[in-house]
C-alpha atoms as a PDB file:
ATOM      1  CA  MET A   1       0.000   0.000   0.000  1.00  0.00           C
ATOM      2  CA  SER A   2       2.505   2.571   1.138  1.00  0.00           C
ATOM      3  CA  GLY A   3       4.808   1.723  -1.736  1.00  0.00           C
ATOM      4  CA  ALA A   4       2.225   3.162  -4.133  1.00  0.00           C
ATOM      5  CA  VAL A   5       2.604   6.621  -2.668  1.00  0.00           C
ATOM      6  CA  GLN A   6       4.797   9.137  -4.406  1.00  0.00           C
ATOM      7  CA  GLU A   7       8.082   9.345  -2.551  1.00  0.00           C
ATOM      8  CA  SER A   8       8.410  12.364  -0.290  1.00  0.00           C
ATOM      9  CA  VAL A   9      11.028  13.698   2.092  1.00  0.00           C
ATOM     10  CA  SER A  10      12.403  10.992   4.348  1.00  0.00           C
ATOM     11  CA  LEU A  11      11.839  11.102   8.093  1.00  0.00           C
ATOM     12  CA  GLU A  12      15.133   9.361   8.769  1.00  0.00           C
ATOM     13  CA  GLY A  13      16.582  10.551  12.051  1.00  0.00           C
ATOM     14  CA  LYS A  14      13.445  12.499  12.975  1.00  0.00           C
ATOM     15  CA  THR A  15      11.775  11.846  16.331  1.00  0.00           C
ATOM     16  CA  LEU A  16       8.017  11.352  16.378  1.00  0.00           C
ATOM     17  CA  PHE A  17       5.977  11.373  19.593  1.00  0.00           C
ATOM     18  CA  ILE A  18       2.714   9.512  18.934  1.00  0.00           C
ATOM     19  CA  THR A  19      -0.087   9.306  21.490  1.00  0.00           C
ATOM     20  CA  GLY A  20      -2.271   6.208  21.481  1.00  0.00           C
ATOM     21  CA  GLY A  21       0.038   4.492  19.022  1.00  0.00           C
ATOM     22  CA  SER A  22      -0.124   0.893  20.214  1.00  0.00           C
ATOM     23  CA  ARG A  23      -2.654  -0.084  17.535  1.00  0.00           C
ATOM     24  CA  GLY A  24      -4.795   1.161  14.671  1.00  0.00           C
ATOM     25  CA  ILE A  25      -4.086   4.460  12.958  1.00  0.00           C
ATOM     26  CA  GLY A  26      -1.407   5.504  15.442  1.00  0.00           C
ATOM     27  CA  LEU A  27       0.548   2.304  14.883  1.00  0.00           C
ATOM     28  CA  ALA A  28       0.213   2.612  11.103  1.00  0.00           C
ATOM     29  CA  ILE A  29       1.663   6.144  11.263  1.00  0.00           C
ATOM     30  CA  ALA A  30       4.469   4.831  13.456  1.00  0.00           C
ATOM     31  CA  LEU A  31       5.352   2.030  11.053  1.00  0.00           C
ATOM     32  CA  ARG A  32       5.313   4.367   8.038  1.00  0.00           C
ATOM     33  CA  ALA A  33       7.850   6.591   9.805  1.00  0.00           C
ATOM     34  CA  ALA A  34       9.857   3.548  10.898  1.00  0.00           C
ATOM     35  CA  ARG A  35      10.338   2.568   7.247  1.00  0.00           C
ATOM     36  CA  ASP A  36      12.337   5.789   6.876  1.00  0.00           C
ATOM     37  CA  GLY A  37      14.496   4.996   9.897  1.00  0.00           C
ATOM     38  CA  ALA A  38      12.774   7.456  12.244  1.00  0.00           C
ATOM     39  CA  ASN A  39      12.800   7.440  16.035  1.00  0.00           C
ATOM     40  CA  VAL A  40       9.245   6.683  17.121  1.00  0.00           C
ATOM     41  CA  VAL A  41       7.872   7.078  20.635  1.00  0.00           C
ATOM     42  CA  ILE A  42       4.701   5.154  21.438  1.00  0.00           C
ATOM     43  CA  ALA A  43       3.038   7.033  24.287  1.00  0.00           C
ATOM     44  CA  ALA A  44      -0.052   5.011  25.180  1.00  0.00           C
ATOM     45  CA  LYS A  45      -1.812   3.289  28.051  1.00  0.00           C
ATOM     46  CA  THR A  46      -1.659  -0.360  27.044  1.00  0.00           C
ATOM     47  CA  SER A  47       1.419  -1.992  28.543  1.00  0.00           C
ATOM     48  CA  GLU A  48      -0.194  -5.397  29.191  1.00  0.00           C
ATOM     49  CA  PRO A  49      -2.155  -7.443  26.614  1.00  0.00           C
ATOM     50  CA  ASP A  50      -5.911  -6.870  26.605  1.00  0.00           C
ATOM     51  CA  PRO A  51      -8.071  -9.696  25.191  1.00  0.00           C
ATOM     52  CA  ARG A  52     -10.481  -7.107  23.742  1.00  0.00           C
ATOM     53  CA  LEU A  53      -7.838  -5.053  21.945  1.00  0.00           C
ATOM     54  CA  PRO A  54      -4.755  -6.005  19.912  1.00  0.00           C
ATOM     55  CA  GLY A  55      -1.306  -4.645  20.675  1.00  0.00           C
ATOM     56  CA  THR A  56       0.643  -3.024  23.486  1.00  0.00           C
ATOM     57  CA  ILE A  57       3.261  -0.300  23.576  1.00  0.00           C
ATOM     58  CA  HIS A  58       5.894  -3.043  23.671  1.00  0.00           C
ATOM     59  CA  SER A  59       4.583  -5.007  20.680  1.00  0.00           C
ATOM     60  CA  ALA A  60       4.339  -1.711  18.768  1.00  0.00           C
ATOM     61  CA  VAL A  61       8.010  -0.968  19.476  1.00  0.00           C
ATOM     62  CA  GLU A  62       8.969  -4.471  18.321  1.00  0.00           C
ATOM     63  CA  GLU A  63       7.213  -3.773  15.007  1.00  0.00           C
ATOM     64  CA  ILE A  64       8.820  -0.337  14.698  1.00  0.00           C
ATOM     65  CA  ASN A  65      12.277  -1.834  15.181  1.00  0.00           C
ATOM     66  CA  ALA A  66      11.530  -4.610  12.682  1.00  0.00           C
ATOM     67  CA  PHE A  67      10.517  -1.970  10.111  1.00  0.00           C
ATOM     68  CA  GLY A  68      13.890  -0.238  10.479  1.00  0.00           C
ATOM     69  CA  GLY A  69      12.963   2.442  12.999  1.00  0.00           C
ATOM     70  CA  HIS A  70      14.053   3.047  16.564  1.00  0.00           C
ATOM     71  CA  GLY A  71      11.153   2.611  18.968  1.00  0.00           C
ATOM     72  CA  LEU A  72      10.611   3.747  22.537  1.00  0.00           C
ATOM     73  CA  ALA A  73       7.682   2.571  24.670  1.00  0.00           C
ATOM     74  CA  CYS A  74       6.298   5.028  27.221  1.00  0.00           C
ATOM     75  CA  VAL A  75       3.324   4.242  29.416  1.00  0.00           C
ATOM     76  CA  CYS A  76       1.248   7.381  29.040  1.00  0.00           C
ATOM     77  CA  ASP A  77      -2.390   8.049  29.794  1.00  0.00           C
ATOM     78  CA  VAL A  78      -2.968  11.471  28.239  1.00  0.00           C
ATOM     79  CA  ARG A  79      -5.416  12.253  31.053  1.00  0.00           C
ATOM     80  CA  SER A  80      -2.384  12.511  33.339  1.00  0.00           C
ATOM     81  CA  ASP A  81      -0.212  15.592  32.945  1.00  0.00           C
ATOM     82  CA  GLU A  82       2.456  13.866  35.061  1.00  0.00           C
ATOM     83  CA  GLN A  83       2.632  10.904  32.678  1.00  0.00           C
ATOM     84  CA  ILE A  84       2.732  13.206  29.657  1.00  0.00           C
ATOM     85  CA  GLN A  85       5.633  15.176  31.108  1.00  0.00           C
ATOM     86  CA  ALA A  86       7.475  11.993  32.075  1.00  0.00           C
ATOM     87  CA  ALA A  87       7.091  10.556  28.565  1.00  0.00           C
ATOM     88  CA  VAL A  88       8.275  13.791  26.934  1.00  0.00           C
ATOM     89  CA  THR A  89      11.265  14.005  29.279  1.00  0.00           C
ATOM     90  CA  ARG A  90      12.232  10.409  28.543  1.00  0.00           C
ATOM     91  CA  THR A  91      11.892  11.029  24.803  1.00  0.00           C
ATOM     92  CA  VAL A  92      14.231  14.015  24.900  1.00  0.00           C
ATOM     93  CA  GLU A  93      16.727  12.166  27.094  1.00  0.00           C
ATOM     94  CA  THR A  94      16.699   9.203  24.683  1.00  0.00           C
ATOM     95  CA  PHE A  95      16.631  10.895  21.284  1.00  0.00           C
ATOM     96  CA  GLY A  96      17.771  14.465  22.013  1.00  0.00           C
ATOM     97  CA  GLY A  97      14.563  16.255  21.031  1.00  0.00           C
ATOM     98  CA  ILE A  98      11.158  16.034  19.347  1.00  0.00           C
ATOM     99  CA  ASP A  99      10.488  16.869  15.697  1.00  0.00           C
ATOM    100  CA  ILE A 100       6.901  15.738  15.213  1.00  0.00           C
ATOM    101  CA  LEU A 101       3.934  15.289  17.542  1.00  0.00           C
ATOM    102  CA  ILE A 102       1.016  13.143  16.418  1.00  0.00           C
ATOM    103  CA  ASN A 103      -2.027  13.690  18.660  1.00  0.00           C
ATOM    104  CA  ASN A 104      -3.772  10.434  17.824  1.00  0.00           C
ATOM    105  CA  ALA A 105      -5.149   9.262  21.196  1.00  0.00           C
ATOM    106  CA  SER A 106      -8.919   9.498  21.263  1.00  0.00           C
ATOM    107  CA  ALA A 107     -11.928   8.230  23.184  1.00  0.00           C
ATOM    108  CA  LEU A 108     -15.152   7.313  21.383  1.00  0.00           C
ATOM    109  CA  PHE A 109     -18.621   7.377  22.949  1.00  0.00           C
ATOM    110  CA  LEU A 110     -21.557   7.765  20.596  1.00  0.00           C
ATOM    111  CA  THR A 111     -24.656   8.558  22.628  1.00  0.00           C
ATOM    112  CA  GLY A 112     -27.239  11.301  22.749  1.00  0.00           C
ATOM    113  CA  THR A 113     -27.452  13.878  25.490  1.00  0.00           C
ATOM    114  CA  LEU A 114     -29.839  11.940  27.747  1.00  0.00           C
ATOM    115  CA  ASP A 115     -27.780   8.761  27.490  1.00  0.00           C
ATOM    116  CA  THR A 116     -24.375  10.262  28.275  1.00  0.00           C
ATOM    117  CA  PRO A 117     -23.290   9.799  31.909  1.00  0.00           C
ATOM    118  CA  ALA A 118     -21.122  12.506  33.410  1.00  0.00           C
ATOM    119  CA  LYS A 119     -18.129  10.166  33.618  1.00  0.00           C
ATOM    120  CA  ARG A 120     -18.342   9.476  29.879  1.00  0.00           C
ATOM    121  CA  PHE A 121     -18.629  13.184  29.072  1.00  0.00           C
ATOM    122  CA  ASP A 122     -15.553  13.755  31.223  1.00  0.00           C
ATOM    123  CA  LEU A 123     -13.687  10.864  29.562  1.00  0.00           C
ATOM    124  CA  VAL A 124     -14.038  12.063  25.965  1.00  0.00           C
ATOM    125  CA  HIS A 125     -13.097  15.599  26.921  1.00  0.00           C
ATOM    126  CA  ALA A 126     -10.190  14.520  29.139  1.00  0.00           C
ATOM    127  CA  VAL A 127      -8.678  12.360  26.388  1.00  0.00           C
ATOM    128  CA  ASN A 128      -9.615  14.232  23.232  1.00  0.00           C
ATOM    129  CA  VAL A 129      -9.383  17.920  24.170  1.00  0.00           C
ATOM    130  CA  ARG A 130      -7.435  18.107  27.414  1.00  0.00           C
ATOM    131  CA  GLY A 131      -5.008  15.352  26.391  1.00  0.00           C
ATOM    132  CA  THR A 132      -4.343  17.011  23.047  1.00  0.00           C
ATOM    133  CA  PHE A 133      -3.819  20.414  24.655  1.00  0.00           C
ATOM    134  CA  LEU A 134      -1.499  19.162  27.413  1.00  0.00           C
ATOM    135  CA  THR A 135       0.570  16.915  25.141  1.00  0.00           C
ATOM    136  CA  SER A 136       1.043  19.776  22.699  1.00  0.00           C
ATOM    137  CA  GLN A 137       1.941  22.093  25.572  1.00  0.00           C
ATOM    138  CA  ALA A 138       4.583  19.649  26.820  1.00  0.00           C
ATOM    139  CA  CYS A 139       6.127  19.102  23.374  1.00  0.00           C
ATOM    140  CA  LEU A 140       6.101  22.689  22.121  1.00  0.00           C
ATOM    141  CA  PRO A 141       9.278  23.885  23.914  1.00  0.00           C
ATOM    142  CA  HIS A 142      11.179  21.043  22.228  1.00  0.00           C
ATOM    143  CA  LEU A 143       9.500  21.516  18.850  1.00  0.00           C
ATOM    144  CA  ARG A 144      10.802  25.097  18.861  1.00  0.00           C
ATOM    145  CA  HIS A 145      14.314  23.659  18.529  1.00  0.00           C
ATOM    146  CA  ALA A 146      13.451  21.277  15.674  1.00  0.00           C
ATOM    147  CA  ALA A 147      14.454  21.956  12.056  1.00  0.00           C
ATOM    148  CA  ASN A 148      11.018  21.207  10.592  1.00  0.00           C
ATOM    149  CA  PRO A 149       8.549  20.925  13.495  1.00  0.00           C
ATOM    150  CA  HIS A 150       5.031  19.611  13.050  1.00  0.00           C
ATOM    151  CA  ILE A 151       2.003  18.918  15.224  1.00  0.00           C
ATOM    152  CA  LEU A 152      -0.665  16.793  13.552  1.00  0.00           C
ATOM    153  CA  MET A 153      -4.056  16.254  15.191  1.00  0.00           C
ATOM    154  CA  LEU A 154      -6.323  13.386  14.163  1.00  0.00           C
ATOM    155  CA  ALA A 155      -9.268  15.774  14.194  1.00  0.00           C
ATOM    156  CA  PRO A 156     -12.123  16.652  11.842  1.00  0.00           C
ATOM    157  CA  PRO A 157     -12.524  19.686   9.600  1.00  0.00           C
ATOM    158  CA  LEU A 158     -14.505  22.477  11.243  1.00  0.00           C
ATOM    159  CA  ASN A 159     -17.863  21.636   9.684  1.00  0.00           C
ATOM    160  CA  ILE A 160     -20.100  23.213  12.326  1.00  0.00           C
ATOM    161  CA  GLU A 161     -23.398  21.681  11.268  1.00  0.00           C
ATOM    162  CA  ALA A 162     -26.192  20.444  13.528  1.00  0.00           C
ATOM    163  CA  ARG A 163     -26.134  16.971  11.954  1.00  0.00           C
ATOM    164  CA  TRP A 164     -22.657  16.337  13.350  1.00  0.00           C
ATOM    165  CA  PHE A 165     -23.666  17.304  16.892  1.00  0.00           C
ATOM    166  CA  ALA A 166     -27.230  16.098  17.431  1.00  0.00           C
ATOM    167  CA  PRO A 167     -26.603  12.300  17.467  1.00  0.00           C
ATOM    168  CA  HIS A 168     -23.582  12.316  19.830  1.00  0.00           C
ATOM    169  CA  LEU A 169     -23.094  15.792  21.256  1.00  0.00           C
ATOM    170  CA  ALA A 170     -20.464  15.011  23.897  1.00  0.00           C
ATOM    171  CA  TYR A 171     -18.182  13.179  21.472  1.00  0.00           C
ATOM    172  CA  SER A 172     -18.582  15.805  18.762  1.00  0.00           C
ATOM    173  CA  LEU A 173     -17.796  18.629  21.175  1.00  0.00           C
ATOM    174  CA  SER A 174     -14.599  16.840  22.178  1.00  0.00           C
ATOM    175  CA  LYS A 175     -13.427  16.144  18.626  1.00  0.00           C
ATOM    176  CA  PHE A 176     -14.171  19.669  17.428  1.00  0.00           C
ATOM    177  CA  GLY A 177     -12.291  20.838  20.515  1.00  0.00           C
ATOM    178  CA  MET A 178      -9.228  19.166  19.013  1.00  0.00           C
ATOM    179  CA  SER A 179      -9.934  20.977  15.745  1.00  0.00           C
ATOM    180  CA  LEU A 180     -10.100  24.300  17.557  1.00  0.00           C
ATOM    181  CA  CYS A 181      -6.679  23.522  19.041  1.00  0.00           C
ATOM    182  CA  VAL A 182      -5.414  23.369  15.452  1.00  0.00           C
ATOM    183  CA  LEU A 183      -7.018  26.690  14.616  1.00  0.00           C
ATOM    184  CA  GLY A 184      -5.564  28.442  17.661  1.00  0.00           C
ATOM    185  CA  MET A 185      -2.134  26.844  17.877  1.00  0.00           C
ATOM    186  CA  ALA A 186      -1.411  27.209  14.167  1.00  0.00           C
ATOM    187  CA  GLU A 187      -1.719  30.961  14.512  1.00  0.00           C
ATOM    188  CA  GLU A 188      -0.144  31.190  17.958  1.00  0.00           C
ATOM    189  CA  PHE A 189       3.033  29.387  16.877  1.00  0.00           C
ATOM    190  CA  ARG A 190       3.201  30.505  13.256  1.00  0.00           C
ATOM    191  CA  SER A 191       6.113  32.858  13.951  1.00  0.00           C
ATOM    192  CA  ASP A 192       8.021  29.945  15.525  1.00  0.00           C
ATOM    193  CA  GLY A 193       7.688  27.981  12.298  1.00  0.00           C
ATOM    194  CA  ILE A 194       5.774  25.171  14.016  1.00  0.00           C
ATOM    195  CA  ALA A 195       3.174  23.674  11.694  1.00  0.00           C
ATOM    196  CA  VAL A 196      -0.111  22.647  13.314  1.00  0.00           C
ATOM    197  CA  ASN A 197      -2.557  20.761  11.106  1.00  0.00           C
ATOM    198  CA  ALA A 198      -5.458  18.309  11.274  1.00  0.00           C
ATOM    199  CA  LEU A 199      -5.968  15.093   9.362  1.00  0.00           C
ATOM    200  CA  TRP A 200      -9.230  13.164   9.087  1.00  0.00           C
ATOM    201  CA  PRO A 201     -10.331  10.140   7.046  1.00  0.00           C
ATOM    202  CA  ARG A 202     -13.050  10.446   4.423  1.00  0.00           C
ATOM    203  CA  THR A 203     -14.213   6.904   5.149  1.00  0.00           C
ATOM    204  CA  ALA A 204     -14.358   4.719   8.208  1.00  0.00           C
ATOM    205  CA  ILE A 205     -11.004   3.090   8.967  1.00  0.00           C
ATOM    206  CA  ALA A 206     -10.596  -0.572   9.906  1.00  0.00           C
ATOM    207  CA  THR A 207      -9.775  -0.362  13.608  1.00  0.00           C
ATOM    208  CA  ALA A 208     -10.798  -2.107  16.814  1.00  0.00           C
ATOM    209  CA  ALA A 209     -13.266   0.713  17.464  1.00  0.00           C
ATOM    210  CA  VAL A 210     -15.159  -0.101  14.266  1.00  0.00           C
ATOM    211  CA  ARG A 211     -15.222  -3.802  15.077  1.00  0.00           C
ATOM    212  CA  ASN A 212     -16.306  -3.306  18.685  1.00  0.00           C
ATOM    213  CA  LEU A 213     -18.595  -0.274  18.478  1.00  0.00           C
ATOM    214  CA  LEU A 214     -19.665   0.454  14.921  1.00  0.00           C
ATOM    215  CA  GLY A 215     -20.869  -2.764  13.355  1.00  0.00           C
ATOM    216  CA  GLY A 216     -18.338  -5.575  13.630  1.00  0.00           C
ATOM    217  CA  ASP A 217     -16.916  -7.461  10.674  1.00  0.00           C
ATOM    218  CA  ASP A 218     -19.618  -6.297   8.251  1.00  0.00           C
ATOM    219  CA  ALA A 219     -18.644  -2.684   8.908  1.00  0.00           C
ATOM    220  CA  LEU A 220     -14.952  -3.532   8.635  1.00  0.00           C
ATOM    221  CA  ARG A 221     -15.450  -4.788   5.078  1.00  0.00           C
ATOM    222  CA  ARG A 222     -16.642  -1.297   4.122  1.00  0.00           C
ATOM    223  CA  CYS A 223     -13.603   0.444   5.594  1.00  0.00           C
ATOM    224  CA  ARG A 224     -10.263   1.553   4.290  1.00  0.00           C
ATOM    225  CA  LYS A 225      -7.079   0.349   5.953  1.00  0.00           C
ATOM    226  CA  PRO A 226      -5.182   2.525   8.452  1.00  0.00           C
ATOM    227  CA  GLU A 227      -2.323   2.807   5.972  1.00  0.00           C
ATOM    228  CA  ILE A 228      -4.200   5.462   3.986  1.00  0.00           C
ATOM    229  CA  VAL A 229      -4.123   7.781   6.989  1.00  0.00           C
ATOM    230  CA  ALA A 230      -0.499   6.867   7.673  1.00  0.00           C
ATOM    231  CA  ASP A 231       0.594   7.719   4.129  1.00  0.00           C
ATOM    232  CA  ALA A 232      -1.314  11.006   4.249  1.00  0.00           C
ATOM    233  CA  ALA A 233       0.218  11.864   7.636  1.00  0.00           C
ATOM    234  CA  HIS A 234       3.704  11.104   6.292  1.00  0.00           C
ATOM    235  CA  SER A 235       3.107  13.456   3.383  1.00  0.00           C
ATOM    236  CA  ILE A 236       1.933  16.289   5.642  1.00  0.00           C
ATOM    237  CA  VAL A 237       4.716  16.116   8.243  1.00  0.00           C
ATOM    238  CA  SER A 238       7.340  15.919   5.479  1.00  0.00           C
ATOM    239  CA  ARG A 239       6.341  19.342   4.138  1.00  0.00           C
ATOM    240  CA  PRO A 240       8.150  22.585   5.073  1.00  0.00           C
ATOM    241  CA  SER A 241       6.540  23.610   8.346  1.00  0.00           C
ATOM    242  CA  ARG A 242       6.575  27.333   7.592  1.00  0.00           C
ATOM    243  CA  GLU A 243       4.625  26.729   4.388  1.00  0.00           C
ATOM    244  CA  CYS A 244       2.008  24.279   5.676  1.00  0.00           C
ATOM    245  CA  SER A 245       0.078  25.174   8.812  1.00  0.00           C
ATOM    246  CA  GLY A 246      -3.513  25.677   9.876  1.00  0.00           C
ATOM    247  CA  HIS A 247      -4.970  23.204   7.377  1.00  0.00           C
ATOM    248  CA  PHE A 248      -7.704  20.599   7.828  1.00  0.00           C
ATOM    249  CA  PHE A 249      -6.695  17.758   5.541  1.00  0.00           C
ATOM    250  CA  ILE A 250      -8.738  14.774   4.352  1.00  0.00           C
ATOM    251  CA  ASP A 251      -6.661  11.646   3.773  1.00  0.00           C
ATOM    252  CA  ASP A 252      -7.572  10.845   0.165  1.00  0.00           C
ATOM    253  CA  ASP A 253      -7.291  14.510  -0.865  1.00  0.00           C
ATOM    254  CA  VAL A 254      -3.693  14.517   0.376  1.00  0.00           C
ATOM    255  CA  LEU A 255      -2.816  11.425  -1.626  1.00  0.00           C
ATOM    256  CA  ARG A 256      -4.525  12.660  -4.779  1.00  0.00           C
ATOM    257  CA  ALA A 257      -2.571  15.920  -4.480  1.00  0.00           C
ATOM    258  CA  ASP A 258       0.554  13.727  -4.364  1.00  0.00           C
ATOM    259  CA  GLY A 259      -0.465  12.169  -7.663  1.00  0.00           C
ATOM    260  CA  ILE A 260      -2.091   8.976  -6.342  1.00  0.00           C
ATOM    261  CA  SER A 261      -5.391   8.527  -8.176  1.00  0.00           C
ATOM    262  CA  ASN A 262      -6.054   4.810  -7.628  1.00  0.00           C
ATOM    263  CA  LEU A 263      -6.858   4.242  -3.954  1.00  0.00           C
ATOM    264  CA  SER A 264      -8.474   0.822  -4.308  1.00  0.00           C
ATOM    265  CA  ASN A 265      -5.567  -0.941  -2.592  1.00  0.00           C
ATOM    266  CA  TYR A 266      -6.440   0.850   0.614  1.00  0.00           C
ATOM    267  CA  ALA A 267      -9.931  -0.692   0.746  1.00  0.00           C
ATOM    268  CA  VAL A 268     -10.426  -3.708   3.000  1.00  0.00           C
ATOM    269  CA  ASP A 269     -12.792  -5.089   0.352  1.00  0.00           C
ATOM    270  CA  PRO A 270     -12.570  -3.177  -2.952  1.00  0.00           C
ATOM    271  CA  THR A 271     -15.863  -4.740  -4.117  1.00  0.00           C
ATOM    272  CA  THR A 272     -17.991  -3.057  -1.434  1.00  0.00           C
ATOM    273  CA  ASP A 273     -19.210   0.525  -0.996  1.00  0.00           C
ATOM    274  CA  LEU A 274     -17.137   2.499   1.475  1.00  0.00           C
ATOM    275  CA  LEU A 275     -18.649   3.625   4.758  1.00  0.00           C
ATOM    276  CA  PRO A 276     -18.353   7.431   5.152  1.00  0.00           C
ATOM    277  CA  ASP A 277     -16.766   8.718   8.325  1.00  0.00           C
ATOM    278  CA  PHE A 278     -18.322  11.289  10.648  1.00  0.00           C
ATOM    279  CA  PHE A 279     -17.855  15.036  10.092  1.00  0.00           C
ATOM    280  CA  VAL A 280     -17.050  14.935   6.350  1.00  0.00           C
END
């Protein structure tokens, strides 16, 4: 899949800090960078195997190393500012700095207002908005010293329409909160040359969340593979940071702009209709 993408600037020697990267989209982004020989930090909660979810921070690092990268596993719940700071400190001590932050960690809870307990409201906001803000805050002093610094949020375009809020208000508020972080930080740190952008998939992506919460194997057949997001992310964070900030990218638009017109290899089942993602 990734081999079909037009070659871009290599991330060899760059250090990526990826939240929630033990599986799914985060892991795919990590492995794409590892192919270049990048240093990749997996900052996520899962240190012990969970029968409901594949992968741990340690298995992710094994894959990163096998792909030619240099992995570092950091136990990090982005709800904890202490764990974020500890992971960032360890990253800088190990690799000498941070070049790219991928705010990938996210909590999903798709219920209406009357069916959303307070603890679930707090969870999606603590992970999605607060976690994104605090991880960015912790990485920014180090990104200021990087040659081509990027922050990339896995967050939707700012389509403020009632249809994206009414079915699952708490979740939508939290995801658009991440998008607003892009809007604000891109401008706040423009003079520092730190690019801050968002990336979102046009279709549902084959992840554990889709299998467990959005329809099981039938839904998975109508998804694209995480590699499409990984290839798009690689393209974005390879661009000159002073020339590419404040954008809300859609994965297939990025690849088409890179000259990739046939995206069928990214489909789990190319014979089925793709399932659109939220917010697009």
